Amino acid sequence: MRELSEQEQFWRGEFGDQYAGRNQGQPLIAANLALFAKALARTSRLESLLELGTNTGNNLQALHQLLPTCVLQGVEINAQAQAYAQALGVADVWHGSLFDYPHDRTFQLTLSKGVLIHLAPELLPAAYAQLYQLSQRYILICEYYNPVPVEVSYRGNNGKLFKRDFAGEMLDRYSDLHLLDYGFSYHRDPQFPTDDINWFLLEKRL
C-alpha cells in the first residue's frame, strides 16, 4: 500500500478536521458561484465534472446551482469533510487521496481549487497526470499563483503551502493543452470576496 505524504497525513488528520469546521457557509458558496460563472463561461455544455479535493463541498454546492444537470463527482482525503460533502446530496464524493482515485471513467472537466498549493512539490507531476488523464476536454485550475515556485508559511506550519505557475507547468507538460481563458478573484471584491485566486481554464485540442 502506498505511504501517504506528509501533506496528505496533515490534511487527513486533526488540522484537516479543523479546516473543514471553519470553512462553511452561504457567503463562501455565493462567492464560488460568481467565480465559476466566469471561469466556465467559455466551456460547452458540461455533463460531467470531477473535483479533486472537495473538502466540505462548498465548490460542489455552487457548481450544482450553476450546472444543475451536470453529474458531479468529488474526491476528499479527510473523512469528516468527505462525509459532510457526501451528505449534501449534490455529488458522489469518493473518500481517499486524489493520487489514488481510480481511472475507471473520465469527465468532461476536472477541477482543482486550493488543492495543488498544499501538495508536496515532488508530487505535482502525479497530480497533473490525474487532472489530465481523468479529463475528456477541460481542466480548471484555481490556485494561488506565483511566476516562480515559492513556499509560504501556512497558519504557522512549514511545508504545507506552495505557490507557483501550476497552469503553465501543465501547458509545458502536455502539448495538446491550450489556454482557453483565465482570470483573478480578489479578496477585496465588494460583493463576492474570495481568497486571491488565479483561475486558468485549459482545453485539450481535439
N, C-alpha and C. Protein backbone atom coordinates (compact mmCIF):
# COMPACT_ATOMS: atom_id res chain seq x y z
N MET A 1 0.84 -1.19 0.00
CA MET A 1 0.00 0.00 0.00
C MET A 1 0.88 1.25 0.00
N ARG A 2 0.49 2.26 -0.76
CA ARG A 2 1.28 3.48 -0.88
C ARG A 2 1.32 4.24 0.44
N GLU A 3 2.51 4.72 0.80
CA GLU A 3 2.65 5.53 2.01
C GLU A 3 2.24 6.97 1.71
N LEU A 4 1.36 7.52 2.55
CA LEU A 4 0.89 8.88 2.35
C LEU A 4 2.00 9.88 2.60
N SER A 5 1.99 10.96 1.84
CA SER A 5 2.97 12.02 2.04
C SER A 5 2.68 12.78 3.34
N GLU A 6 3.64 13.57 3.76
CA GLU A 6 3.47 14.41 4.95
C GLU A 6 2.24 15.30 4.81
N GLN A 7 2.05 15.87 3.64
CA GLN A 7 0.93 16.78 3.41
C GLN A 7 -0.41 16.02 3.44
N GLU A 8 -0.45 14.85 2.86
CA GLU A 8 -1.68 14.06 2.88
C GLU A 8 -2.07 13.68 4.31
N GLN A 9 -1.10 13.28 5.11
CA GLN A 9 -1.38 12.95 6.51
C GLN A 9 -1.87 14.17 7.28
N PHE A 10 -1.31 15.32 6.96
CA PHE A 10 -1.68 16.59 7.61
C PHE A 10 -3.15 16.90 7.36
N TRP A 11 -3.59 16.78 6.11
CA TRP A 11 -4.96 17.12 5.76
C TRP A 11 -5.94 16.02 6.14
N ARG A 12 -5.49 14.80 6.25
CA ARG A 12 -6.36 13.71 6.68
C ARG A 12 -6.64 13.77 8.18
N GLY A 13 -5.74 14.41 8.93
CA GLY A 13 -5.82 14.40 10.39
C GLY A 13 -6.53 15.58 11.02
N GLU A 14 -6.08 15.94 12.22
CA GLU A 14 -6.77 16.94 13.04
C GLU A 14 -6.83 18.30 12.37
N PHE A 15 -5.75 18.72 11.71
CA PHE A 15 -5.77 20.02 11.06
C PHE A 15 -6.84 20.06 9.97
N GLY A 16 -6.95 18.96 9.22
CA GLY A 16 -7.98 18.88 8.20
C GLY A 16 -9.38 18.93 8.79
N ASP A 17 -9.56 18.30 9.97
CA ASP A 17 -10.86 18.38 10.65
C ASP A 17 -11.19 19.82 11.01
N GLN A 18 -10.20 20.53 11.55
CA GLN A 18 -10.41 21.93 11.95
C GLN A 18 -10.71 22.81 10.74
N TYR A 19 -10.01 22.57 9.65
CA TYR A 19 -10.23 23.35 8.43
C TYR A 19 -11.66 23.15 7.93
N ALA A 20 -12.11 21.91 7.95
CA ALA A 20 -13.47 21.62 7.49
C ALA A 20 -14.50 22.34 8.35
N GLY A 21 -14.22 22.43 9.66
CA GLY A 21 -15.17 23.07 10.56
C GLY A 21 -15.32 24.56 10.36
N ARG A 22 -14.25 25.22 9.90
CA ARG A 22 -14.31 26.68 9.80
C ARG A 22 -14.55 27.19 8.37
N ASN A 23 -14.62 26.30 7.40
CA ASN A 23 -14.79 26.73 6.02
C ASN A 23 -16.13 26.26 5.45
N GLN A 24 -17.19 26.83 6.00
CA GLN A 24 -18.53 26.54 5.54
C GLN A 24 -19.35 27.82 5.56
N GLY A 25 -20.50 27.81 4.89
CA GLY A 25 -21.38 28.96 4.95
C GLY A 25 -21.82 29.45 3.58
N GLN A 26 -22.98 30.06 3.53
CA GLN A 26 -23.55 30.55 2.28
C GLN A 26 -22.70 31.62 1.59
N PRO A 27 -22.06 32.55 2.32
CA PRO A 27 -21.21 33.54 1.62
C PRO A 27 -20.11 32.89 0.78
N LEU A 28 -19.52 31.81 1.28
CA LEU A 28 -18.49 31.09 0.51
C LEU A 28 -19.08 30.49 -0.76
N ILE A 29 -20.27 29.93 -0.63
CA ILE A 29 -20.92 29.33 -1.79
C ILE A 29 -21.26 30.39 -2.83
N ALA A 30 -21.76 31.54 -2.38
CA ALA A 30 -22.09 32.63 -3.30
C ALA A 30 -20.86 33.14 -4.04
N ALA A 31 -19.74 33.28 -3.32
CA ALA A 31 -18.51 33.74 -3.95
C ALA A 31 -18.00 32.72 -4.96
N ASN A 32 -18.12 31.44 -4.62
CA ASN A 32 -17.72 30.39 -5.56
C ASN A 32 -18.60 30.38 -6.80
N LEU A 33 -19.88 30.63 -6.60
CA LEU A 33 -20.80 30.66 -7.73
C LEU A 33 -20.40 31.76 -8.71
N ALA A 34 -20.06 32.94 -8.17
CA ALA A 34 -19.63 34.05 -9.03
C ALA A 34 -18.34 33.71 -9.76
N LEU A 35 -17.39 33.07 -9.05
CA LEU A 35 -16.11 32.70 -9.66
C LEU A 35 -16.32 31.68 -10.79
N PHE A 36 -17.09 30.63 -10.51
CA PHE A 36 -17.26 29.57 -11.51
C PHE A 36 -18.06 30.06 -12.71
N ALA A 37 -18.99 30.98 -12.50
CA ALA A 37 -19.75 31.52 -13.63
C ALA A 37 -18.82 32.19 -14.64
N LYS A 38 -17.79 32.87 -14.15
CA LYS A 38 -16.81 33.49 -15.03
C LYS A 38 -15.86 32.44 -15.62
N ALA A 39 -15.36 31.57 -14.75
CA ALA A 39 -14.33 30.62 -15.18
C ALA A 39 -14.84 29.59 -16.19
N LEU A 40 -16.11 29.28 -16.14
CA LEU A 40 -16.66 28.25 -17.03
C LEU A 40 -17.45 28.82 -18.19
N ALA A 41 -17.42 30.13 -18.36
CA ALA A 41 -18.23 30.78 -19.38
C ALA A 41 -17.89 30.32 -20.80
N ARG A 42 -16.66 29.91 -21.03
CA ARG A 42 -16.24 29.54 -22.38
C ARG A 42 -16.25 28.03 -22.62
N THR A 43 -16.77 27.28 -21.68
CA THR A 43 -16.93 25.85 -21.90
C THR A 43 -18.22 25.59 -22.68
N SER A 44 -18.28 24.44 -23.33
CA SER A 44 -19.52 23.99 -23.92
C SER A 44 -20.33 23.30 -22.83
N ARG A 45 -21.51 22.84 -23.17
CA ARG A 45 -22.40 22.24 -22.18
C ARG A 45 -21.68 21.11 -21.42
N LEU A 46 -21.56 21.28 -20.11
CA LEU A 46 -20.86 20.30 -19.29
C LEU A 46 -21.85 19.29 -18.72
N GLU A 47 -21.56 18.03 -18.95
CA GLU A 47 -22.42 16.96 -18.45
C GLU A 47 -21.79 16.17 -17.31
N SER A 48 -20.47 16.30 -17.11
CA SER A 48 -19.80 15.59 -16.02
C SER A 48 -18.58 16.38 -15.56
N LEU A 49 -18.33 16.36 -14.26
CA LEU A 49 -17.24 17.16 -13.67
C LEU A 49 -16.69 16.43 -12.46
N LEU A 50 -15.37 16.45 -12.33
CA LEU A 50 -14.68 15.84 -11.19
C LEU A 50 -13.85 16.89 -10.48
N GLU A 51 -14.07 17.03 -9.17
CA GLU A 51 -13.24 17.92 -8.35
C GLU A 51 -12.30 17.10 -7.49
N LEU A 52 -11.02 17.34 -7.62
CA LEU A 52 -10.02 16.68 -6.79
C LEU A 52 -9.76 17.53 -5.56
N GLY A 53 -10.23 17.07 -4.41
CA GLY A 53 -10.09 17.82 -3.16
C GLY A 53 -11.31 18.68 -2.90
N THR A 54 -12.40 18.07 -2.47
CA THR A 54 -13.66 18.81 -2.33
C THR A 54 -13.83 19.48 -0.98
N ASN A 55 -13.11 19.02 0.02
CA ASN A 55 -13.35 19.42 1.41
C ASN A 55 -14.84 19.21 1.73
N THR A 56 -15.51 20.22 2.30
CA THR A 56 -16.90 20.02 2.74
C THR A 56 -17.92 20.26 1.63
N GLY A 57 -17.46 20.52 0.42
CA GLY A 57 -18.38 20.62 -0.70
C GLY A 57 -18.86 22.01 -1.05
N ASN A 58 -18.17 23.05 -0.59
CA ASN A 58 -18.58 24.41 -0.96
C ASN A 58 -18.57 24.61 -2.48
N ASN A 59 -17.53 24.12 -3.12
CA ASN A 59 -17.45 24.26 -4.58
C ASN A 59 -18.54 23.45 -5.27
N LEU A 60 -18.76 22.24 -4.78
CA LEU A 60 -19.77 21.38 -5.39
C LEU A 60 -21.17 21.96 -5.26
N GLN A 61 -21.45 22.60 -4.12
CA GLN A 61 -22.76 23.23 -3.96
C GLN A 61 -22.95 24.35 -4.98
N ALA A 62 -21.93 25.17 -5.16
CA ALA A 62 -22.01 26.25 -6.14
C ALA A 62 -22.14 25.69 -7.55
N LEU A 63 -21.38 24.66 -7.86
CA LEU A 63 -21.44 24.06 -9.20
C LEU A 63 -22.79 23.41 -9.47
N HIS A 64 -23.39 22.83 -8.45
CA HIS A 64 -24.71 22.22 -8.61
C HIS A 64 -25.76 23.28 -8.95
N GLN A 65 -25.64 24.46 -8.33
CA GLN A 65 -26.56 25.55 -8.65
C GLN A 65 -26.31 26.07 -10.07
N LEU A 66 -25.05 26.17 -10.45
CA LEU A 66 -24.68 26.71 -11.76
C LEU A 66 -24.95 25.72 -12.88
N LEU A 67 -24.72 24.44 -12.61
CA LEU A 67 -24.84 23.38 -13.62
C LEU A 67 -25.77 22.28 -13.09
N PRO A 68 -27.06 22.55 -12.99
CA PRO A 68 -27.97 21.62 -12.31
C PRO A 68 -28.10 20.25 -12.97
N THR A 69 -27.79 20.14 -14.24
CA THR A 69 -27.90 18.84 -14.92
C THR A 69 -26.57 18.11 -15.05
N CYS A 70 -25.50 18.73 -14.56
CA CYS A 70 -24.16 18.13 -14.65
C CYS A 70 -23.97 17.11 -13.54
N VAL A 71 -23.44 15.94 -13.88
CA VAL A 71 -23.13 14.92 -12.89
C VAL A 71 -21.80 15.29 -12.23
N LEU A 72 -21.85 15.48 -10.91
CA LEU A 72 -20.68 15.94 -10.16
C LEU A 72 -20.08 14.80 -9.34
N GLN A 73 -18.76 14.75 -9.34
CA GLN A 73 -18.02 13.76 -8.56
C GLN A 73 -16.93 14.50 -7.79
N GLY A 74 -16.71 14.10 -6.55
CA GLY A 74 -15.66 14.71 -5.75
C GLY A 74 -14.72 13.66 -5.19
N VAL A 75 -13.55 14.13 -4.76
CA VAL A 75 -12.55 13.29 -4.11
C VAL A 75 -12.06 14.04 -2.88
N GLU A 76 -12.06 13.40 -1.71
CA GLU A 76 -11.66 14.09 -0.48
C GLU A 76 -10.96 13.11 0.46
N ILE A 77 -9.79 13.53 0.98
CA ILE A 77 -8.98 12.66 1.82
C ILE A 77 -9.40 12.69 3.30
N ASN A 78 -10.00 13.80 3.75
CA ASN A 78 -10.40 13.92 5.16
C ASN A 78 -11.78 13.31 5.36
N ALA A 79 -11.88 12.38 6.31
CA ALA A 79 -13.12 11.61 6.49
C ALA A 79 -14.29 12.50 6.90
N GLN A 80 -14.07 13.45 7.82
CA GLN A 80 -15.15 14.32 8.26
C GLN A 80 -15.66 15.20 7.12
N ALA A 81 -14.73 15.77 6.37
CA ALA A 81 -15.11 16.62 5.25
C ALA A 81 -15.84 15.82 4.17
N GLN A 82 -15.33 14.61 3.89
CA GLN A 82 -15.97 13.77 2.87
C GLN A 82 -17.39 13.41 3.27
N ALA A 83 -17.60 13.07 4.53
CA ALA A 83 -18.94 12.71 5.00
C ALA A 83 -19.90 13.90 4.89
N TYR A 84 -19.42 15.07 5.23
CA TYR A 84 -20.25 16.27 5.14
C TYR A 84 -20.61 16.56 3.69
N ALA A 85 -19.62 16.49 2.80
CA ALA A 85 -19.87 16.77 1.38
C ALA A 85 -20.82 15.75 0.78
N GLN A 86 -20.63 14.48 1.13
CA GLN A 86 -21.50 13.44 0.59
C GLN A 86 -22.94 13.64 1.04
N ALA A 87 -23.12 14.08 2.29
CA ALA A 87 -24.46 14.26 2.85
C ALA A 87 -25.23 15.40 2.20
N LEU A 88 -24.54 16.27 1.47
CA LEU A 88 -25.22 17.38 0.80
C LEU A 88 -26.15 16.88 -0.29
N GLY A 89 -25.84 15.74 -0.86
CA GLY A 89 -26.69 15.16 -1.88
C GLY A 89 -26.56 15.76 -3.27
N VAL A 90 -25.48 16.51 -3.50
CA VAL A 90 -25.29 17.14 -4.81
C VAL A 90 -24.25 16.41 -5.65
N ALA A 91 -23.47 15.52 -5.03
CA ALA A 91 -22.40 14.83 -5.74
C ALA A 91 -22.05 13.54 -5.02
N ASP A 92 -21.45 12.62 -5.75
CA ASP A 92 -20.87 11.42 -5.15
C ASP A 92 -19.43 11.77 -4.79
N VAL A 93 -19.08 11.68 -3.52
CA VAL A 93 -17.75 12.10 -3.05
C VAL A 93 -16.97 10.87 -2.59
N TRP A 94 -15.90 10.58 -3.31
CA TRP A 94 -15.05 9.42 -3.04
C TRP A 94 -14.08 9.75 -1.92
N HIS A 95 -13.94 8.85 -0.93
CA HIS A 95 -13.04 9.10 0.20
C HIS A 95 -11.67 8.50 -0.07
N GLY A 96 -10.66 9.37 -0.13
CA GLY A 96 -9.30 8.92 -0.34
C GLY A 96 -8.45 10.02 -0.94
N SER A 97 -7.19 9.71 -1.20
CA SER A 97 -6.28 10.67 -1.78
C SER A 97 -6.53 10.84 -3.27
N LEU A 98 -6.37 12.04 -3.76
CA LEU A 98 -6.54 12.29 -5.19
C LEU A 98 -5.56 11.46 -6.02
N PHE A 99 -4.42 11.09 -5.42
CA PHE A 99 -3.44 10.29 -6.15
C PHE A 99 -3.90 8.85 -6.36
N ASP A 100 -4.87 8.41 -5.56
CA ASP A 100 -5.33 7.03 -5.61
C ASP A 100 -6.69 6.89 -6.29
N TYR A 101 -7.25 7.99 -6.75
CA TYR A 101 -8.56 7.91 -7.39
C TYR A 101 -8.46 7.06 -8.66
N PRO A 102 -9.34 6.06 -8.81
CA PRO A 102 -9.21 5.11 -9.94
C PRO A 102 -9.59 5.72 -11.28
N HIS A 103 -8.99 5.19 -12.32
CA HIS A 103 -9.26 5.66 -13.69
C HIS A 103 -10.29 4.77 -14.37
N ASP A 104 -11.45 4.60 -13.72
CA ASP A 104 -12.48 3.75 -14.31
C ASP A 104 -13.49 4.54 -15.13
N ARG A 105 -13.34 5.88 -15.15
CA ARG A 105 -14.16 6.72 -16.01
C ARG A 105 -13.46 8.06 -16.18
N THR A 106 -13.92 8.83 -17.15
CA THR A 106 -13.38 10.18 -17.35
C THR A 106 -14.53 11.18 -17.30
N PHE A 107 -14.16 12.47 -17.21
CA PHE A 107 -15.12 13.54 -17.02
C PHE A 107 -14.85 14.65 -18.04
N GLN A 108 -15.88 15.38 -18.40
CA GLN A 108 -15.67 16.46 -19.36
C GLN A 108 -14.76 17.54 -18.79
N LEU A 109 -14.81 17.74 -17.47
CA LEU A 109 -13.94 18.74 -16.84
C LEU A 109 -13.41 18.21 -15.52
N THR A 110 -12.14 18.42 -15.28
CA THR A 110 -11.55 18.16 -13.96
C THR A 110 -11.16 19.48 -13.33
N LEU A 111 -11.24 19.53 -12.01
CA LEU A 111 -11.10 20.79 -11.27
C LEU A 111 -10.18 20.62 -10.07
N SER A 112 -9.32 21.61 -9.89
CA SER A 112 -8.53 21.74 -8.66
C SER A 112 -8.69 23.17 -8.17
N LYS A 113 -9.16 23.35 -6.94
CA LYS A 113 -9.31 24.69 -6.37
C LYS A 113 -8.75 24.69 -4.95
N GLY A 114 -7.62 25.35 -4.79
CA GLY A 114 -6.99 25.42 -3.47
C GLY A 114 -6.47 24.08 -2.99
N VAL A 115 -6.01 23.25 -3.90
CA VAL A 115 -5.53 21.92 -3.56
C VAL A 115 -4.07 21.72 -3.97
N LEU A 116 -3.72 22.09 -5.20
CA LEU A 116 -2.35 21.93 -5.67
C LEU A 116 -1.35 22.68 -4.79
N ILE A 117 -1.78 23.81 -4.23
CA ILE A 117 -0.89 24.61 -3.38
C ILE A 117 -0.48 23.86 -2.11
N HIS A 118 -1.24 22.86 -1.73
CA HIS A 118 -0.97 22.14 -0.49
C HIS A 118 -0.28 20.79 -0.71
N LEU A 119 0.10 20.51 -1.93
CA LEU A 119 0.75 19.23 -2.22
C LEU A 119 2.27 19.38 -2.20
N ALA A 120 2.95 18.30 -1.84
CA ALA A 120 4.41 18.29 -1.91
C ALA A 120 4.84 18.54 -3.36
N PRO A 121 5.75 19.48 -3.59
CA PRO A 121 6.13 19.82 -4.96
C PRO A 121 6.56 18.62 -5.80
N GLU A 122 7.22 17.65 -5.17
CA GLU A 122 7.68 16.49 -5.94
C GLU A 122 6.52 15.60 -6.41
N LEU A 123 5.34 15.79 -5.82
CA LEU A 123 4.17 15.00 -6.23
C LEU A 123 3.30 15.71 -7.25
N LEU A 124 3.64 16.94 -7.60
CA LEU A 124 2.82 17.68 -8.56
C LEU A 124 2.70 16.98 -9.92
N PRO A 125 3.77 16.39 -10.46
CA PRO A 125 3.59 15.68 -11.74
C PRO A 125 2.50 14.61 -11.68
N ALA A 126 2.40 13.92 -10.56
CA ALA A 126 1.35 12.90 -10.42
C ALA A 126 -0.03 13.55 -10.33
N ALA A 127 -0.11 14.70 -9.66
CA ALA A 127 -1.38 15.42 -9.59
C ALA A 127 -1.78 15.95 -10.95
N TYR A 128 -0.82 16.49 -11.69
CA TYR A 128 -1.10 16.96 -13.05
C TYR A 128 -1.60 15.80 -13.92
N ALA A 129 -0.99 14.65 -13.76
CA ALA A 129 -1.40 13.48 -14.54
C ALA A 129 -2.84 13.08 -14.25
N GLN A 130 -3.23 13.16 -12.97
CA GLN A 130 -4.61 12.86 -12.62
C GLN A 130 -5.58 13.85 -13.27
N LEU A 131 -5.28 15.14 -13.15
CA LEU A 131 -6.13 16.15 -13.77
C LEU A 131 -6.24 15.94 -15.28
N TYR A 132 -5.13 15.61 -15.90
CA TYR A 132 -5.09 15.45 -17.36
C TYR A 132 -5.77 14.16 -17.82
N GLN A 133 -5.41 13.05 -17.21
CA GLN A 133 -5.89 11.76 -17.69
C GLN A 133 -7.38 11.54 -17.40
N LEU A 134 -7.89 12.15 -16.33
CA LEU A 134 -9.30 11.98 -15.97
C LEU A 134 -10.20 12.95 -16.72
N SER A 135 -9.61 13.88 -17.47
CA SER A 135 -10.38 14.87 -18.21
C SER A 135 -10.56 14.46 -19.67
N GLN A 136 -11.78 14.58 -20.15
CA GLN A 136 -12.04 14.37 -21.57
C GLN A 136 -11.69 15.60 -22.39
N ARG A 137 -11.89 16.81 -21.78
CA ARG A 137 -11.71 18.02 -22.57
C ARG A 137 -11.14 19.20 -21.78
N TYR A 138 -11.74 19.55 -20.64
CA TYR A 138 -11.36 20.77 -19.93
C TYR A 138 -10.68 20.47 -18.59
N ILE A 139 -9.79 21.37 -18.19
CA ILE A 139 -9.18 21.35 -16.86
C ILE A 139 -9.26 22.77 -16.31
N LEU A 140 -9.82 22.91 -15.10
CA LEU A 140 -9.90 24.22 -14.45
C LEU A 140 -9.02 24.20 -13.21
N ILE A 141 -8.04 25.10 -13.19
CA ILE A 141 -7.11 25.23 -12.06
C ILE A 141 -7.36 26.57 -11.38
N CYS A 142 -7.72 26.54 -10.10
CA CYS A 142 -7.96 27.76 -9.32
C CYS A 142 -7.04 27.70 -8.10
N GLU A 143 -5.92 28.40 -8.16
CA GLU A 143 -4.89 28.28 -7.12
C GLU A 143 -4.19 29.62 -6.91
N TYR A 144 -3.39 29.70 -5.85
CA TYR A 144 -2.52 30.87 -5.67
C TYR A 144 -1.42 30.80 -6.72
N TYR A 145 -1.19 31.92 -7.38
CA TYR A 145 -0.21 31.97 -8.46
C TYR A 145 1.06 32.69 -8.02
N ASN A 146 2.19 32.21 -8.52
CA ASN A 146 3.45 32.93 -8.44
C ASN A 146 4.28 32.52 -9.66
N PRO A 147 4.99 33.47 -10.29
CA PRO A 147 5.73 33.12 -11.51
C PRO A 147 6.84 32.11 -11.29
N VAL A 148 7.37 32.05 -10.06
CA VAL A 148 8.39 31.05 -9.73
C VAL A 148 7.94 30.33 -8.45
N PRO A 149 8.35 29.09 -8.26
CA PRO A 149 7.93 28.36 -7.05
C PRO A 149 8.40 29.04 -5.78
N VAL A 150 7.50 29.13 -4.80
CA VAL A 150 7.83 29.73 -3.51
C VAL A 150 7.02 29.06 -2.42
N GLU A 151 7.63 28.86 -1.25
CA GLU A 151 6.92 28.29 -0.11
C GLU A 151 6.48 29.41 0.83
N VAL A 152 5.28 29.28 1.38
CA VAL A 152 4.73 30.27 2.29
C VAL A 152 4.30 29.56 3.57
N SER A 153 4.60 30.14 4.72
CA SER A 153 4.14 29.57 5.98
C SER A 153 2.62 29.58 6.02
N TYR A 154 2.03 28.47 6.45
CA TYR A 154 0.57 28.34 6.45
C TYR A 154 0.08 28.10 7.87
N ARG A 155 -0.51 29.14 8.47
CA ARG A 155 -1.02 29.06 9.84
C ARG A 155 0.04 28.49 10.79
N GLY A 156 1.26 28.96 10.62
CA GLY A 156 2.36 28.55 11.48
C GLY A 156 3.00 27.22 11.10
N ASN A 157 2.58 26.63 10.00
CA ASN A 157 3.12 25.33 9.57
C ASN A 157 3.99 25.50 8.33
N ASN A 158 5.14 24.86 8.34
CA ASN A 158 6.04 24.87 7.19
C ASN A 158 5.78 23.64 6.32
N GLY A 159 6.09 23.79 5.03
CA GLY A 159 5.96 22.67 4.12
C GLY A 159 4.52 22.31 3.79
N LYS A 160 3.60 23.28 3.96
CA LYS A 160 2.18 22.99 3.74
C LYS A 160 1.51 23.89 2.71
N LEU A 161 2.22 24.91 2.20
CA LEU A 161 1.63 25.78 1.18
C LEU A 161 2.72 26.25 0.23
N PHE A 162 2.48 26.04 -1.06
CA PHE A 162 3.44 26.39 -2.10
C PHE A 162 2.72 27.10 -3.24
N LYS A 163 3.28 28.21 -3.69
CA LYS A 163 2.74 28.91 -4.85
C LYS A 163 3.66 28.70 -6.04
N ARG A 164 3.07 28.65 -7.23
CA ARG A 164 3.85 28.53 -8.46
C ARG A 164 2.90 28.70 -9.64
N ASP A 165 3.40 28.54 -10.84
CA ASP A 165 2.58 28.64 -12.04
C ASP A 165 2.11 27.24 -12.42
N PHE A 166 1.10 26.76 -11.72
CA PHE A 166 0.61 25.40 -11.95
C PHE A 166 0.11 25.21 -13.38
N ALA A 167 -0.69 26.16 -13.86
CA ALA A 167 -1.25 26.05 -15.21
C ALA A 167 -0.14 26.06 -16.25
N GLY A 168 0.84 26.93 -16.08
CA GLY A 168 1.95 27.00 -17.02
C GLY A 168 2.72 25.70 -17.07
N GLU A 169 2.89 25.07 -15.92
CA GLU A 169 3.60 23.79 -15.88
C GLU A 169 2.81 22.71 -16.61
N MET A 170 1.49 22.75 -16.48
CA MET A 170 0.68 21.77 -17.21
C MET A 170 0.74 22.02 -18.72
N LEU A 171 0.71 23.29 -19.12
CA LEU A 171 0.81 23.62 -20.55
C LEU A 171 2.14 23.16 -21.12
N ASP A 172 3.21 23.27 -20.34
CA ASP A 172 4.52 22.81 -20.79
C ASP A 172 4.59 21.29 -20.85
N ARG A 173 3.88 20.64 -19.95
CA ARG A 173 3.96 19.18 -19.83
C ARG A 173 3.14 18.47 -20.90
N TYR A 174 2.00 19.04 -21.27
CA TYR A 174 1.08 18.38 -22.20
C TYR A 174 0.89 19.24 -23.44
N SER A 175 1.42 18.79 -24.56
CA SER A 175 1.46 19.62 -25.77
C SER A 175 0.08 19.83 -26.39
N ASP A 176 -0.88 18.98 -26.07
CA ASP A 176 -2.21 19.15 -26.66
C ASP A 176 -3.11 20.05 -25.83
N LEU A 177 -2.62 20.59 -24.71
CA LEU A 177 -3.39 21.53 -23.91
C LEU A 177 -3.16 22.95 -24.42
N HIS A 178 -4.20 23.77 -24.40
CA HIS A 178 -4.02 25.19 -24.65
C HIS A 178 -4.85 26.00 -23.66
N LEU A 179 -4.47 27.25 -23.47
CA LEU A 179 -5.14 28.14 -22.53
C LEU A 179 -6.37 28.71 -23.20
N LEU A 180 -7.54 28.41 -22.63
CA LEU A 180 -8.80 28.90 -23.19
C LEU A 180 -9.23 30.22 -22.55
N ASP A 181 -8.99 30.36 -21.23
CA ASP A 181 -9.38 31.59 -20.52
C ASP A 181 -8.65 31.62 -19.18
N TYR A 182 -8.61 32.81 -18.58
CA TYR A 182 -8.01 32.94 -17.25
C TYR A 182 -8.54 34.20 -16.58
N GLY A 183 -8.37 34.28 -15.26
CA GLY A 183 -8.86 35.45 -14.53
C GLY A 183 -8.38 35.44 -13.09
N PHE A 184 -8.89 36.40 -12.34
CA PHE A 184 -8.44 36.61 -10.96
C PHE A 184 -9.64 36.94 -10.08
N SER A 185 -9.66 36.36 -8.89
CA SER A 185 -10.70 36.64 -7.90
C SER A 185 -10.05 37.28 -6.68
N TYR A 186 -10.58 38.43 -6.25
CA TYR A 186 -9.88 39.32 -5.30
C TYR A 186 -10.55 39.31 -3.93
N HIS A 187 -9.72 39.31 -2.88
CA HIS A 187 -10.28 39.25 -1.52
C HIS A 187 -11.00 40.54 -1.12
N ARG A 188 -10.80 41.65 -1.86
CA ARG A 188 -11.48 42.90 -1.55
C ARG A 188 -12.63 43.20 -2.52
N ASP A 189 -13.05 42.18 -3.24
CA ASP A 189 -14.24 42.36 -4.08
C ASP A 189 -15.41 42.75 -3.17
N PRO A 190 -16.12 43.84 -3.49
CA PRO A 190 -17.17 44.34 -2.59
C PRO A 190 -18.39 43.43 -2.49
N GLN A 191 -18.60 42.57 -3.46
CA GLN A 191 -19.79 41.72 -3.45
C GLN A 191 -19.48 40.25 -3.23
N PHE A 192 -18.43 39.74 -3.90
CA PHE A 192 -18.11 38.32 -3.82
C PHE A 192 -16.63 38.12 -3.47
N PRO A 193 -16.22 38.47 -2.26
CA PRO A 193 -14.80 38.32 -1.89
C PRO A 193 -14.40 36.85 -1.75
N THR A 194 -13.20 36.53 -2.20
CA THR A 194 -12.62 35.20 -2.06
C THR A 194 -11.18 35.36 -1.62
N ASP A 195 -10.46 34.27 -1.51
CA ASP A 195 -9.00 34.38 -1.43
C ASP A 195 -8.51 34.96 -2.76
N ASP A 196 -7.28 35.42 -2.79
CA ASP A 196 -6.72 35.96 -4.03
C ASP A 196 -6.34 34.80 -4.95
N ILE A 197 -7.29 34.36 -5.73
CA ILE A 197 -7.13 33.14 -6.54
C ILE A 197 -7.04 33.49 -8.02
N ASN A 198 -6.04 32.94 -8.66
CA ASN A 198 -5.98 32.98 -10.13
C ASN A 198 -6.59 31.71 -10.68
N TRP A 199 -7.42 31.85 -11.69
CA TRP A 199 -8.00 30.65 -12.32
C TRP A 199 -7.60 30.57 -13.78
N PHE A 200 -7.44 29.34 -14.25
CA PHE A 200 -6.99 29.06 -15.61
C PHE A 200 -7.83 27.93 -16.17
N LEU A 201 -8.49 28.18 -17.28
CA LEU A 201 -9.27 27.15 -17.97
C LEU A 201 -8.45 26.63 -19.14
N LEU A 202 -8.09 25.35 -19.08
CA LEU A 202 -7.31 24.70 -20.12
C LEU A 202 -8.21 23.76 -20.92
N GLU A 203 -7.87 23.56 -22.19
CA GLU A 203 -8.66 22.69 -23.04
C GLU A 203 -7.73 21.80 -23.86
N LYS A 204 -8.13 20.54 -23.98
CA LYS A 204 -7.40 19.63 -24.86
C LYS A 204 -7.79 19.91 -26.29
N ARG A 205 -6.82 20.00 -27.17
CA ARG A 205 -7.11 20.17 -28.60
C ARG A 205 -7.64 18.86 -29.15
N LEU A 206 -8.84 18.88 -29.68
CA LEU A 206 -9.47 17.67 -30.18
C LEU A 206 -9.03 17.35 -31.60
